[in-house]
mmCIF file of all heavy atoms, coordinates in Angstrom:
data_MODEL
# 
_entry.id   MODEL 
# 
loop_
_atom_site.group_PDB 
_atom_site.id 
_atom_site.type_symbol 
_atom_site.label_atom_id 
_atom_site.label_alt_id 
_atom_site.label_comp_id 
_atom_site.label_asym_id 
_atom_site.label_entity_id 
_atom_site.label_seq_id 
_atom_site.pdbx_PDB_ins_code 
_atom_site.Cartn_x 
_atom_site.Cartn_y 
_atom_site.Cartn_z 
_atom_site.occupancy 
_atom_site.B_iso_or_equiv 
_atom_site.pdbx_formal_charge 
_atom_site.auth_seq_id 
_atom_site.auth_comp_id 
_atom_site.auth_asym_id 
_atom_site.auth_atom_id 
_atom_site.pdbx_PDB_model_num 
ATOM 1   N N   . THR A 1 1  ? 12.764 -58.165 66.141 1.00 0.00 ? 1  THR A N   1 
ATOM 2   C CA  . THR A 1 1  ? 12.269 -58.563 64.824 1.00 0.00 ? 1  THR A CA  1 
ATOM 3   C C   . THR A 1 1  ? 13.108 -59.733 64.339 1.00 0.00 ? 1  THR A C   1 
ATOM 4   O O   . THR A 1 1  ? 14.330 -59.640 64.272 1.00 0.00 ? 1  THR A O   1 
ATOM 5   C CB  . THR A 1 1  ? 12.365 -57.405 63.822 1.00 0.00 ? 1  THR A CB  1 
ATOM 6   O OG1 . THR A 1 1  ? 11.594 -56.307 64.312 1.00 0.00 ? 1  THR A OG1 1 
ATOM 7   C CG2 . THR A 1 1  ? 11.831 -57.832 62.468 1.00 0.00 ? 1  THR A CG2 1 
ATOM 8   N N   . ALA A 1 2  ? 12.459 -60.839 64.051 1.00 0.00 ? 2  ALA A N   1 
ATOM 9   C CA  . ALA A 1 2  ? 13.179 -62.040 63.633 1.00 0.00 ? 2  ALA A CA  1 
ATOM 10  C C   . ALA A 1 2  ? 13.267 -62.115 62.114 1.00 0.00 ? 2  ALA A C   1 
ATOM 11  O O   . ALA A 1 2  ? 12.312 -61.778 61.409 1.00 0.00 ? 2  ALA A O   1 
ATOM 12  C CB  . ALA A 1 2  ? 12.456 -63.270 64.171 1.00 0.00 ? 2  ALA A CB  1 
ATOM 13  N N   . ARG A 1 3  ? 14.436 -62.554 61.629 1.00 0.00 ? 3  ARG A N   1 
ATOM 14  C CA  . ARG A 1 3  ? 14.623 -62.742 60.197 1.00 0.00 ? 3  ARG A CA  1 
ATOM 15  C C   . ARG A 1 3  ? 14.506 -64.229 59.884 1.00 0.00 ? 3  ARG A C   1 
ATOM 16  O O   . ARG A 1 3  ? 15.323 -65.035 60.310 1.00 0.00 ? 3  ARG A O   1 
ATOM 17  C CB  . ARG A 1 3  ? 15.987 -62.204 59.753 1.00 0.00 ? 3  ARG A CB  1 
ATOM 18  C CG  . ARG A 1 3  ? 16.160 -62.246 58.227 1.00 0.00 ? 3  ARG A CG  1 
ATOM 19  C CD  . ARG A 1 3  ? 17.374 -61.471 57.765 1.00 0.00 ? 3  ARG A CD  1 
ATOM 20  N NE  . ARG A 1 3  ? 18.618 -62.085 58.180 1.00 0.00 ? 3  ARG A NE  1 
ATOM 21  C CZ  . ARG A 1 3  ? 19.422 -61.589 59.117 1.00 0.00 ? 3  ARG A CZ  1 
ATOM 22  N NH1 . ARG A 1 3  ? 19.088 -60.485 59.738 1.00 0.00 ? 3  ARG A NH1 1 
ATOM 23  N NH2 . ARG A 1 3  ? 20.557 -62.183 59.438 1.00 0.00 ? 3  ARG A NH2 1 
ATOM 24  N N   . LEU A 1 4  ? 13.455 -64.579 59.154 1.00 0.00 ? 4  LEU A N   1 
ATOM 25  C CA  . LEU A 1 4  ? 13.233 -65.970 58.794 1.00 0.00 ? 4  LEU A CA  1 
ATOM 26  C C   . LEU A 1 4  ? 14.250 -66.427 57.760 1.00 0.00 ? 4  LEU A C   1 
ATOM 27  O O   . LEU A 1 4  ? 14.891 -65.606 57.090 1.00 0.00 ? 4  LEU A O   1 
ATOM 28  C CB  . LEU A 1 4  ? 11.814 -66.156 58.260 1.00 0.00 ? 4  LEU A CB  1 
ATOM 29  C CG  . LEU A 1 4  ? 10.677 -65.835 59.244 1.00 0.00 ? 4  LEU A CG  1 
ATOM 30  C CD1 . LEU A 1 4  ? 9.336  -65.929 58.544 1.00 0.00 ? 4  LEU A CD1 1 
ATOM 31  C CD2 . LEU A 1 4  ? 10.719 -66.775 60.440 1.00 0.00 ? 4  LEU A CD2 1 
ATOM 32  N N   . ALA A 1 5  ? 14.366 -67.737 57.628 1.00 0.00 ? 5  ALA A N   1 
ATOM 33  C CA  . ALA A 1 5  ? 15.344 -68.297 56.698 1.00 0.00 ? 5  ALA A CA  1 
ATOM 34  C C   . ALA A 1 5  ? 15.061 -67.901 55.256 1.00 0.00 ? 5  ALA A C   1 
ATOM 35  O O   . ALA A 1 5  ? 15.977 -67.838 54.426 1.00 0.00 ? 5  ALA A O   1 
ATOM 36  C CB  . ALA A 1 5  ? 15.379 -69.816 56.833 1.00 0.00 ? 5  ALA A CB  1 
ATOM 37  N N   . ASP A 1 6  ? 13.782 -67.612 54.938 1.00 0.00 ? 6  ASP A N   1 
ATOM 38  C CA  . ASP A 1 6  ? 13.445 -67.225 53.560 1.00 0.00 ? 6  ASP A CA  1 
ATOM 39  C C   . ASP A 1 6  ? 13.610 -65.725 53.317 1.00 0.00 ? 6  ASP A C   1 
ATOM 40  O O   . ASP A 1 6  ? 13.234 -65.215 52.261 1.00 0.00 ? 6  ASP A O   1 
ATOM 41  C CB  . ASP A 1 6  ? 12.014 -67.653 53.224 1.00 0.00 ? 6  ASP A CB  1 
ATOM 42  C CG  . ASP A 1 6  ? 10.991 -67.019 54.172 1.00 0.00 ? 6  ASP A CG  1 
ATOM 43  O OD1 . ASP A 1 6  ? 11.358 -66.106 54.938 1.00 0.00 ? 6  ASP A OD1 1 
ATOM 44  O OD2 . ASP A 1 6  ? 9.823  -67.456 54.148 1.00 0.00 ? 6  ASP A OD2 1 
ATOM 45  N N   . GLY A 1 7  ? 14.159 -65.008 54.334 1.00 0.00 ? 7  GLY A N   1 
ATOM 46  C CA  . GLY A 1 7  ? 14.437 -63.583 54.166 1.00 0.00 ? 7  GLY A CA  1 
ATOM 47  C C   . GLY A 1 7  ? 13.372 -62.660 54.715 1.00 0.00 ? 7  GLY A C   1 
ATOM 48  O O   . GLY A 1 7  ? 13.613 -61.464 54.884 1.00 0.00 ? 7  GLY A O   1 
ATOM 49  N N   . ARG A 1 8  ? 12.188 -63.161 55.002 1.00 0.00 ? 8  ARG A N   1 
ATOM 50  C CA  . ARG A 1 8  ? 11.133 -62.306 55.542 1.00 0.00 ? 8  ARG A CA  1 
ATOM 51  C C   . ARG A 1 8  ? 11.437 -61.937 56.990 1.00 0.00 ? 8  ARG A C   1 
ATOM 52  O O   . ARG A 1 8  ? 12.087 -62.696 57.718 1.00 0.00 ? 8  ARG A O   1 
ATOM 53  C CB  . ARG A 1 8  ? 9.782  -63.039 55.472 1.00 0.00 ? 8  ARG A CB  1 
ATOM 54  C CG  . ARG A 1 8  ? 9.248  -63.236 54.058 1.00 0.00 ? 8  ARG A CG  1 
ATOM 55  C CD  . ARG A 1 8  ? 7.863  -63.897 54.084 1.00 0.00 ? 8  ARG A CD  1 
ATOM 56  N NE  . ARG A 1 8  ? 7.898  -65.232 54.653 1.00 0.00 ? 8  ARG A NE  1 
ATOM 57  C CZ  . ARG A 1 8  ? 7.236  -65.597 55.742 1.00 0.00 ? 8  ARG A CZ  1 
ATOM 58  N NH1 . ARG A 1 8  ? 6.496  -64.704 56.388 1.00 0.00 ? 8  ARG A NH1 1 
ATOM 59  N NH2 . ARG A 1 8  ? 7.308  -66.844 56.183 1.00 0.00 ? 8  ARG A NH2 1 
ATOM 60  N N   . GLU A 1 9  ? 10.939 -60.753 57.405 1.00 0.00 ? 9  GLU A N   1 
ATOM 61  C CA  . GLU A 1 9  ? 11.104 -60.304 58.783 1.00 0.00 ? 9  GLU A CA  1 
ATOM 62  C C   . GLU A 1 9  ? 9.739  -60.245 59.458 1.00 0.00 ? 9  GLU A C   1 
ATOM 63  O O   . GLU A 1 9  ? 8.790  -59.695 58.908 1.00 0.00 ? 9  GLU A O   1 
ATOM 64  C CB  . GLU A 1 9  ? 11.784 -58.932 58.835 1.00 0.00 ? 9  GLU A CB  1 
ATOM 65  C CG  . GLU A 1 9  ? 13.240 -58.966 58.398 1.00 0.00 ? 9  GLU A CG  1 
ATOM 66  C CD  . GLU A 1 9  ? 13.969 -57.659 58.693 1.00 0.00 ? 9  GLU A CD  1 
ATOM 67  O OE1 . GLU A 1 9  ? 13.285 -56.708 59.142 1.00 0.00 ? 9  GLU A OE1 1 
ATOM 68  O OE2 . GLU A 1 9  ? 15.186 -57.603 58.496 1.00 0.00 ? 9  GLU A OE2 1 
ATOM 69  N N   . VAL A 1 10 ? 9.665  -60.829 60.669 1.00 0.00 ? 10 VAL A N   1 
ATOM 70  C CA  . VAL A 1 10 ? 8.418  -60.822 61.436 1.00 0.00 ? 10 VAL A CA  1 
ATOM 71  C C   . VAL A 1 10 ? 8.741  -60.474 62.885 1.00 0.00 ? 10 VAL A C   1 
ATOM 72  O O   . VAL A 1 10 ? 9.886  -60.596 63.331 1.00 0.00 ? 10 VAL A O   1 
ATOM 73  C CB  . VAL A 1 10 ? 7.707  -62.201 61.377 1.00 0.00 ? 10 VAL A CB  1 
ATOM 74  C CG1 . VAL A 1 10 ? 7.332  -62.562 59.958 1.00 0.00 ? 10 VAL A CG1 1 
ATOM 75  C CG2 . VAL A 1 10 ? 8.598  -63.294 61.992 1.00 0.00 ? 10 VAL A CG2 1 
ATOM 76  N N   . ALA A 1 11 ? 7.742  -60.030 63.623 1.00 0.00 ? 11 ALA A N   1 
ATOM 77  C CA  . ALA A 1 11 ? 7.925  -59.762 65.046 1.00 0.00 ? 11 ALA A CA  1 
ATOM 78  C C   . ALA A 1 11 ? 8.167  -61.077 65.778 1.00 0.00 ? 11 ALA A C   1 
ATOM 79  O O   . ALA A 1 11 ? 7.583  -62.112 65.435 1.00 0.00 ? 11 ALA A O   1 
ATOM 80  C CB  . ALA A 1 11 ? 6.703  -59.051 65.610 1.00 0.00 ? 11 ALA A CB  1 
ATOM 81  N N   . ALA A 1 12 ? 9.038  -61.047 66.791 1.00 0.00 ? 12 ALA A N   1 
ATOM 82  C CA  . ALA A 1 12 ? 9.354  -62.265 67.536 1.00 0.00 ? 12 ALA A CA  1 
ATOM 83  C C   . ALA A 1 12 ? 8.103  -62.868 68.160 1.00 0.00 ? 12 ALA A C   1 
ATOM 84  O O   . ALA A 1 12 ? 7.988  -64.086 68.285 1.00 0.00 ? 12 ALA A O   1 
ATOM 85  C CB  . ALA A 1 12 ? 10.384 -61.963 68.614 1.00 0.00 ? 12 ALA A CB  1 
ATOM 86  N N   . SER A 1 13 ? 7.146  -62.018 68.541 1.00 0.00 ? 13 SER A N   1 
ATOM 87  C CA  . SER A 1 13 ? 5.919  -62.502 69.172 1.00 0.00 ? 13 SER A CA  1 
ATOM 88  C C   . SER A 1 13 ? 5.055  -63.314 68.219 1.00 0.00 ? 13 SER A C   1 
ATOM 89  O O   . SER A 1 13 ? 4.162  -64.038 68.646 1.00 0.00 ? 13 SER A O   1 
ATOM 90  C CB  . SER A 1 13 ? 5.112  -61.322 69.718 1.00 0.00 ? 13 SER A CB  1 
ATOM 91  O OG  . SER A 1 13 ? 4.801  -60.416 68.672 1.00 0.00 ? 13 SER A OG  1 
ATOM 92  N N   . GLU A 1 14 ? 5.321  -63.188 66.901 1.00 0.00 ? 14 GLU A N   1 
ATOM 93  C CA  . GLU A 1 14 ? 4.526  -63.906 65.907 1.00 0.00 ? 14 GLU A CA  1 
ATOM 94  C C   . GLU A 1 14 ? 5.132  -65.254 65.527 1.00 0.00 ? 14 GLU A C   1 
ATOM 95  O O   . GLU A 1 14 ? 4.548  -66.007 64.745 1.00 0.00 ? 14 GLU A O   1 
ATOM 96  C CB  . GLU A 1 14 ? 4.365  -63.052 64.647 1.00 0.00 ? 14 GLU A CB  1 
ATOM 97  C CG  . GLU A 1 14 ? 3.604  -61.741 64.889 1.00 0.00 ? 14 GLU A CG  1 
ATOM 98  C CD  . GLU A 1 14 ? 3.531  -60.894 63.637 1.00 0.00 ? 14 GLU A CD  1 
ATOM 99  O OE1 . GLU A 1 14 ? 3.980  -61.375 62.574 1.00 0.00 ? 14 GLU A OE1 1 
ATOM 100 O OE2 . GLU A 1 14 ? 3.046  -59.754 63.717 1.00 0.00 ? 14 GLU A OE2 1 
ATOM 101 N N   . LEU A 1 15 ? 6.313  -65.546 66.071 1.00 0.00 ? 15 LEU A N   1 
ATOM 102 C CA  . LEU A 1 15 ? 6.962  -66.806 65.737 1.00 0.00 ? 15 LEU A CA  1 
ATOM 103 C C   . LEU A 1 15 ? 6.178  -67.979 66.318 1.00 0.00 ? 15 LEU A C   1 
ATOM 104 O O   . LEU A 1 15 ? 5.619  -67.899 67.410 1.00 0.00 ? 15 LEU A O   1 
ATOM 105 C CB  . LEU A 1 15 ? 8.389  -66.832 66.293 1.00 0.00 ? 15 LEU A CB  1 
ATOM 106 C CG  . LEU A 1 15 ? 9.399  -65.887 65.625 1.00 0.00 ? 15 LEU A CG  1 
ATOM 107 C CD1 . LEU A 1 15 ? 10.711 -65.903 66.393 1.00 0.00 ? 15 LEU A CD1 1 
ATOM 108 C CD2 . LEU A 1 15 ? 9.623  -66.285 64.173 1.00 0.00 ? 15 LEU A CD2 1 
ATOM 109 N N   . THR A 1 16 ? 6.136  -69.060 65.575 1.00 0.00 ? 16 THR A N   1 
ATOM 110 C CA  . THR A 1 16 ? 5.470  -70.270 66.042 1.00 0.00 ? 16 THR A CA  1 
ATOM 111 C C   . THR A 1 16 ? 6.449  -71.436 65.979 1.00 0.00 ? 16 THR A C   1 
ATOM 112 O O   . THR A 1 16 ? 7.511  -71.354 65.349 1.00 0.00 ? 16 THR A O   1 
ATOM 113 C CB  . THR A 1 16 ? 4.240  -70.600 65.170 1.00 0.00 ? 16 THR A CB  1 
ATOM 114 O OG1 . THR A 1 16 ? 4.669  -70.780 63.810 1.00 0.00 ? 16 THR A OG1 1 
ATOM 115 C CG2 . THR A 1 16 ? 3.215  -69.485 65.236 1.00 0.00 ? 16 THR A CG2 1 
ATOM 116 N N   . ARG A 1 17 ? 6.081  -72.499 66.635 1.00 0.00 ? 17 ARG A N   1 
ATOM 117 C CA  . ARG A 1 17 ? 6.925  -73.688 66.677 1.00 0.00 ? 17 ARG A CA  1 
ATOM 118 C C   . ARG A 1 17 ? 7.206  -74.189 65.263 1.00 0.00 ? 17 ARG A C   1 
ATOM 119 O O   . ARG A 1 17 ? 6.296  -74.333 64.453 1.00 0.00 ? 17 ARG A O   1 
ATOM 120 C CB  . ARG A 1 17 ? 6.219  -74.778 67.483 1.00 0.00 ? 17 ARG A CB  1 
ATOM 121 C CG  . ARG A 1 17 ? 7.090  -75.965 67.836 1.00 0.00 ? 17 ARG A CG  1 
ATOM 122 C CD  . ARG A 1 17 ? 6.256  -77.003 68.576 1.00 0.00 ? 17 ARG A CD  1 
ATOM 123 N NE  . ARG A 1 17 ? 7.084  -78.098 69.044 1.00 0.00 ? 17 ARG A NE  1 
ATOM 124 C CZ  . ARG A 1 17 ? 7.520  -78.247 70.276 1.00 0.00 ? 17 ARG A CZ  1 
ATOM 125 N NH1 . ARG A 1 17 ? 7.211  -77.348 71.182 1.00 0.00 ? 17 ARG A NH1 1 
ATOM 126 N NH2 . ARG A 1 17 ? 8.260  -79.282 70.620 1.00 0.00 ? 17 ARG A NH2 1 
ATOM 127 N N   . GLY A 1 18 ? 8.483  -74.411 64.951 1.00 0.00 ? 18 GLY A N   1 
ATOM 128 C CA  . GLY A 1 18 ? 8.876  -74.910 63.647 1.00 0.00 ? 18 GLY A CA  1 
ATOM 129 C C   . GLY A 1 18 ? 9.452  -73.849 62.730 1.00 0.00 ? 18 GLY A C   1 
ATOM 130 O O   . GLY A 1 18 ? 10.075 -74.186 61.713 1.00 0.00 ? 18 GLY A O   1 
ATOM 131 N N   . ASP A 1 19 ? 9.256  -72.555 63.074 1.00 0.00 ? 19 ASP A N   1 
ATOM 132 C CA  . ASP A 1 19 ? 9.850  -71.492 62.258 1.00 0.00 ? 19 ASP A CA  1 
ATOM 133 C C   . ASP A 1 19 ? 11.371 -71.558 62.345 1.00 0.00 ? 19 ASP A C   1 
ATOM 134 O O   . ASP A 1 19 ? 11.937 -71.934 63.384 1.00 0.00 ? 19 ASP A O   1 
ATOM 135 C CB  . ASP A 1 19 ? 9.374  -70.112 62.735 1.00 0.00 ? 19 ASP A CB  1 
ATOM 136 C CG  . ASP A 1 19 ? 7.944  -69.813 62.302 1.00 0.00 ? 19 ASP A CG  1 
ATOM 137 O OD1 . ASP A 1 19 ? 7.464  -70.486 61.374 1.00 0.00 ? 19 ASP A OD1 1 
ATOM 138 O OD2 . ASP A 1 19 ? 7.317  -68.903 62.891 1.00 0.00 ? 19 ASP A OD2 1 
ATOM 139 N N   . VAL A 1 20 ? 12.031 -71.189 61.252 1.00 0.00 ? 20 VAL A N   1 
ATOM 140 C CA  . VAL A 1 20 ? 13.494 -71.195 61.196 1.00 0.00 ? 20 VAL A CA  1 
ATOM 141 C C   . VAL A 1 20 ? 13.970 -69.762 61.011 1.00 0.00 ? 20 VAL A C   1 
ATOM 142 O O   . VAL A 1 20 ? 13.536 -69.074 60.082 1.00 0.00 ? 20 VAL A O   1 
ATOM 143 C CB  . VAL A 1 20 ? 14.010 -72.085 60.048 1.00 0.00 ? 20 VAL A CB  1 
ATOM 144 C CG1 . VAL A 1 20 ? 15.527 -72.012 59.964 1.00 0.00 ? 20 VAL A CG1 1 
ATOM 145 C CG2 . VAL A 1 20 ? 13.549 -73.529 60.255 1.00 0.00 ? 20 VAL A CG2 1 
ATOM 146 N N   . VAL A 1 21 ? 14.841 -69.296 61.927 1.00 0.00 ? 21 VAL A N   1 
ATOM 147 C CA  . VAL A 1 21 ? 15.338 -67.919 61.871 1.00 0.00 ? 21 VAL A CA  1 
ATOM 148 C C   . VAL A 1 21 ? 16.860 -67.929 61.791 1.00 0.00 ? 21 VAL A C   1 
ATOM 149 O O   . VAL A 1 21 ? 17.517 -68.888 62.212 1.00 0.00 ? 21 VAL A O   1 
ATOM 150 C CB  . VAL A 1 21 ? 14.884 -67.112 63.099 1.00 0.00 ? 21 VAL A CB  1 
ATOM 151 C CG1 . VAL A 1 21 ? 13.378 -67.005 63.152 1.00 0.00 ? 21 VAL A CG1 1 
ATOM 152 C CG2 . VAL A 1 21 ? 15.412 -67.728 64.390 1.00 0.00 ? 21 VAL A CG2 1 
ATOM 153 N N   . VAL A 1 22 ? 17.403 -66.838 61.257 1.00 0.00 ? 22 VAL A N   1 
ATOM 154 C CA  . VAL A 1 22 ? 18.845 -66.661 61.140 1.00 0.00 ? 22 VAL A CA  1 
ATOM 155 C C   . VAL A 1 22 ? 19.266 -65.573 62.117 1.00 0.00 ? 22 VAL A C   1 
ATOM 156 O O   . VAL A 1 22 ? 18.670 -64.494 62.152 1.00 0.00 ? 22 VAL A O   1 
ATOM 157 C CB  . VAL A 1 22 ? 19.245 -66.258 59.702 1.00 0.00 ? 22 VAL A CB  1 
ATOM 158 C CG1 . VAL A 1 22 ? 20.748 -66.049 59.618 1.00 0.00 ? 22 VAL A CG1 1 
ATOM 159 C CG2 . VAL A 1 22 ? 18.784 -67.318 58.710 1.00 0.00 ? 22 VAL A CG2 1 
ATOM 160 N N   . VAL A 1 23 ? 20.274 -65.856 62.934 1.00 0.00 ? 23 VAL A N   1 
ATOM 161 C CA  . VAL A 1 23 ? 20.754 -64.899 63.925 1.00 0.00 ? 23 VAL A CA  1 
ATOM 162 C C   . VAL A 1 23 ? 22.263 -64.728 63.741 1.00 0.00 ? 23 VAL A C   1 
ATOM 163 O O   . VAL A 1 23 ? 23.005 -65.712 63.726 1.00 0.00 ? 23 VAL A O   1 
ATOM 164 C CB  . VAL A 1 23 ? 20.456 -65.365 65.364 1.00 0.00 ? 23 VAL A CB  1 
ATOM 165 C CG1 . VAL A 1 23 ? 20.704 -64.224 66.345 1.00 0.00 ? 23 VAL A CG1 1 
ATOM 166 C CG2 . VAL A 1 23 ? 19.030 -65.871 65.491 1.00 0.00 ? 23 VAL A CG2 1 
ATOM 167 N N   . GLU A 1 24 ? 22.700 -63.474 63.603 1.00 0.00 ? 24 GLU A N   1 
ATOM 168 C CA  . GLU A 1 24 ? 24.111 -63.187 63.389 1.00 0.00 ? 24 GLU A CA  1 
ATOM 169 C C   . GLU A 1 24 ? 24.697 -62.441 64.582 1.00 0.00 ? 24 GLU A C   1 
ATOM 170 O O   . GLU A 1 24 ? 23.969 -62.062 65.512 1.00 0.00 ? 24 GLU A O   1 
ATOM 171 C CB  . GLU A 1 24 ? 24.288 -62.386 62.092 1.00 0.00 ? 24 GLU A CB  1 
ATOM 172 C CG  . GLU A 1 24 ? 23.830 -63.155 60.860 1.00 0.00 ? 24 GLU A CG  1 
ATOM 173 C CD  . GLU A 1 24 ? 24.114 -62.394 59.573 1.00 0.00 ? 24 GLU A CD  1 
ATOM 174 O OE1 . GLU A 1 24 ? 24.475 -61.208 59.659 1.00 0.00 ? 24 GLU A OE1 1 
ATOM 175 O OE2 . GLU A 1 24 ? 23.954 -62.995 58.492 1.00 0.00 ? 24 GLU A OE2 1 
ATOM 176 N N   . ALA A 1 25 ? 26.001 -62.229 64.554 1.00 0.00 ? 25 ALA A N   1 
ATOM 177 C CA  . ALA A 1 25 ? 26.710 -61.583 65.661 1.00 0.00 ? 25 ALA A CA  1 
ATOM 178 C C   . ALA A 1 25 ? 26.081 -60.238 66.000 1.00 0.00 ? 25 ALA A C   1 
ATOM 179 O O   . ALA A 1 25 ? 25.763 -59.440 65.120 1.00 0.00 ? 25 ALA A O   1 
ATOM 180 C CB  . ALA A 1 25 ? 28.179 -61.400 65.303 1.00 0.00 ? 25 ALA A CB  1 
ATOM 181 N N   . GLY A 1 26 ? 25.889 -60.003 67.319 1.00 0.00 ? 26 GLY A N   1 
ATOM 182 C CA  . GLY A 1 26 ? 25.321 -58.755 67.793 1.00 0.00 ? 26 GLY A CA  1 
ATOM 183 C C   . GLY A 1 26 ? 23.815 -58.749 67.870 1.00 0.00 ? 26 GLY A C   1 
ATOM 184 O O   . GLY A 1 26 ? 23.225 -57.790 68.375 1.00 0.00 ? 26 GLY A O   1 
# 
């Protein structure tokens, strides 16, 4: 599950080119 920069969470399979996600340790 990816966390977008605006705080929303979506499934990784739904990500499209240009989306911005935040990834932290672990």
